[in-house]
Protein backbone atom coordinates (compact mmCIF):
# COMPACT_ATOMS: atom_id res chain seq x y z
CA MET A 1 -2.62 -12.59 -14.79
CA THR A 2 -1.37 -14.81 -12.23
CA TRP A 3 -1.55 -14.98 -8.35
CA HIS A 4 1.60 -14.91 -6.53
CA PRO A 5 1.86 -16.58 -2.41
CA VAL A 6 3.78 -14.23 -0.80
CA ALA A 7 3.36 -15.34 3.03
CA SER A 8 1.09 -17.48 5.32
CA VAL A 9 -1.67 -15.31 7.25
CA ASP A 10 0.02 -16.38 10.59
CA GLU A 11 3.42 -15.05 8.91
CA LEU A 12 1.71 -11.50 8.34
CA ALA A 13 0.34 -10.69 11.95
CA GLU A 14 -2.24 -7.51 12.05
CA GLY A 15 -0.62 -4.58 12.08
CA THR A 16 2.78 -5.91 9.87
CA TYR A 17 3.80 -5.44 6.48
CA ARG A 18 6.77 -7.05 4.36
CA ILE A 19 8.44 -6.01 1.43
CA VAL A 20 8.44 -8.68 -1.40
CA GLU A 21 9.85 -8.58 -4.97
CA LEU A 22 7.57 -10.63 -7.76
CA GLN A 23 8.37 -10.58 -11.23
CA GLY A 24 11.01 -7.89 -10.59
CA ARG A 25 8.76 -5.12 -8.68
CA SER A 26 9.03 -4.52 -5.18
CA ILE A 27 6.15 -4.56 -3.40
CA GLY A 28 4.91 -4.48 0.06
CA VAL A 29 1.99 -6.33 1.53
CA TYR A 30 0.32 -4.90 5.04
CA HIS A 31 -1.89 -6.49 7.37
CA VAL A 32 -3.84 -3.49 8.24
CA LYS A 33 -7.32 -4.29 10.23
CA GLY A 34 -7.86 -7.60 9.42
CA LYS A 35 -7.71 -7.11 5.28
CA PHE A 36 -4.58 -7.16 3.13
CA TYR A 37 -3.56 -4.84 0.44
CA ALA A 38 -0.46 -4.56 -1.53
CA VAL A 39 1.16 -1.29 -3.48
CA HIS A 40 4.53 -0.92 -5.59
CA ASN A 41 7.60 0.23 -3.15
CA TYR A 42 8.34 3.23 -5.57
CA CYS A 43 6.75 7.08 -4.69
CA PRO A 44 5.98 8.79 -7.91
CA HIS A 45 7.92 12.03 -6.75
CA GLN A 46 11.21 11.14 -6.72
CA GLY A 47 11.31 7.28 -6.82
CA ALA A 48 11.85 6.82 -2.53
CA GLU A 49 11.01 3.07 -1.32
CA VAL A 50 7.50 4.10 -0.02
CA CYS A 51 7.35 1.10 1.49
CA ARG A 52 9.71 2.27 4.27
CA GLY A 53 7.96 5.14 4.99
CA PRO A 54 5.30 4.67 8.34
CA VAL A 55 1.65 3.61 8.11
CA CYS A 56 -0.71 6.10 10.36
CA GLY A 57 -3.24 8.11 10.25
CA THR A 58 -3.94 11.71 8.59
CA ALA A 59 -5.77 15.25 9.52
CA LEU A 60 -9.68 15.08 8.08
CA GLU A 61 -11.80 17.71 6.74
CA SER A 62 -12.85 19.87 9.63
CA GLU A 63 -14.49 23.22 10.40
CA VAL A 64 -11.93 26.16 10.72
CA ASP A 65 -9.21 26.32 14.62
CA THR A 66 -10.96 22.41 14.67
CA PHE A 67 -8.54 19.72 13.97
CA VAL A 68 -9.68 15.91 13.20
CA PHE A 69 -7.34 13.29 13.04
CA GLY A 70 -8.42 9.64 11.40
CA ARG A 71 -7.75 6.49 8.93
CA GLU A 72 -5.21 5.60 11.62
CA ASP A 73 -3.36 2.98 10.22
CA GLU A 74 -4.56 3.52 6.62
CA ILE A 75 -2.19 6.27 5.69
CA LEU A 76 1.37 5.49 3.86
CA ARG A 77 3.60 8.36 4.29
CA CYS A 78 7.12 8.33 1.95
CA PRO A 79 9.86 8.48 3.92
CA TRP A 80 11.91 11.08 1.76
CA HIS A 81 8.93 13.86 1.53
CA GLY A 82 6.02 12.90 3.26
CA TRP A 83 4.00 12.22 0.64
CA GLU A 84 0.71 10.18 1.52
CA PHE A 85 -0.88 7.99 -0.20
CA ASP A 86 -4.51 5.74 0.86
CA LEU A 87 -3.19 2.63 1.59
CA THR A 88 -6.63 0.90 0.45
CA THR A 89 -6.47 2.67 -2.98
CA GLY A 90 -2.98 3.91 -3.63
CA HIS A 91 -4.49 7.02 -4.71
CA SER A 92 -2.86 10.64 -2.67
CA LEU A 93 -4.11 12.26 -0.46
CA PHE A 94 -3.70 15.76 -2.38
CA SER A 95 -3.90 15.38 -6.07
CA PRO A 96 -6.32 12.68 -7.91
CA ARG A 97 -3.88 12.21 -10.58
CA VAL A 98 -1.05 10.98 -7.92
CA ARG A 99 -0.63 6.81 -6.93
CA VAL A 100 1.04 4.21 -6.21
CA ARG A 101 0.07 0.67 -8.29
CA ALA A 102 -2.28 -1.30 -5.64
CA TYR A 103 -2.98 -4.75 -6.39
CA PRO A 104 -5.42 -6.95 -6.11
CA VAL A 105 -5.05 -9.35 -2.68
CA GLU A 106 -6.85 -12.66 -1.41
CA VAL A 107 -6.20 -15.31 1.06
CA GLN A 108 -6.28 -18.85 -1.02
CA ASP A 109 -5.60 -21.65 1.32
CA GLY A 110 -4.30 -19.92 4.38
CA GLN A 111 -1.76 -17.92 2.03
CA VAL A 112 -1.59 -14.11 1.28
CA CYS A 113 -1.51 -13.55 -2.57
CA VAL A 114 -0.67 -10.56 -4.58
CA LYS A 115 -2.35 -10.84 -8.23
CA LEU A 116 0.36 -9.43 -11.15
CA GLY A 117 -0.37 -9.11 -14.38
CA ASP A 118 1.25 -9.21 -17.71
CA ARG A 119 4.49 -6.78 -18.16
CA THR A 120 4.03 -6.69 -21.65
CA LYS A 121 0.43 -5.24 -21.37
CA LYS A 122 0.38 -1.45 -21.19
CA GLY A 123 -0.19 -0.01 -18.08
CA VAL A 124 -0.12 -3.21 -15.96
C-alpha cells in the first residue's frame, strides 16, 4: 500500500473537497469538521460521479410525527438518484451491503495523503 499526497492542508480548506486521479481511480478528498476523508468517485447504483453530489445531513431516527435532522456535512448524496452515503465510512444509509469505497487519509508533513492498495490484489 502506498501513500499519495493530493494537496497541502492549506489547499483543502474546511468544508471543501477536490477530486483527484490516483492510479486510474477518481477519488473525492474531503475536509469535514477538522478531519479528512477520501471516497471512490463512483456510485454503486448506476456509476454516477458520486463526488459531484452535495455534502449534507440527513433525517435521523425519531419518534412518529417528529422530524430530526442531523449528521450535517457528513452525508454524500449521489447527484443522479439521491442515494446517500456516510462520508466518514463509505457505507450507505439504506443498506449495510452497499457502499462506496473509502480510503485511509493521513496528514504527513503538511500534505493530505491518501493510501491506495495494489490493484492486482482482490478487493483493493
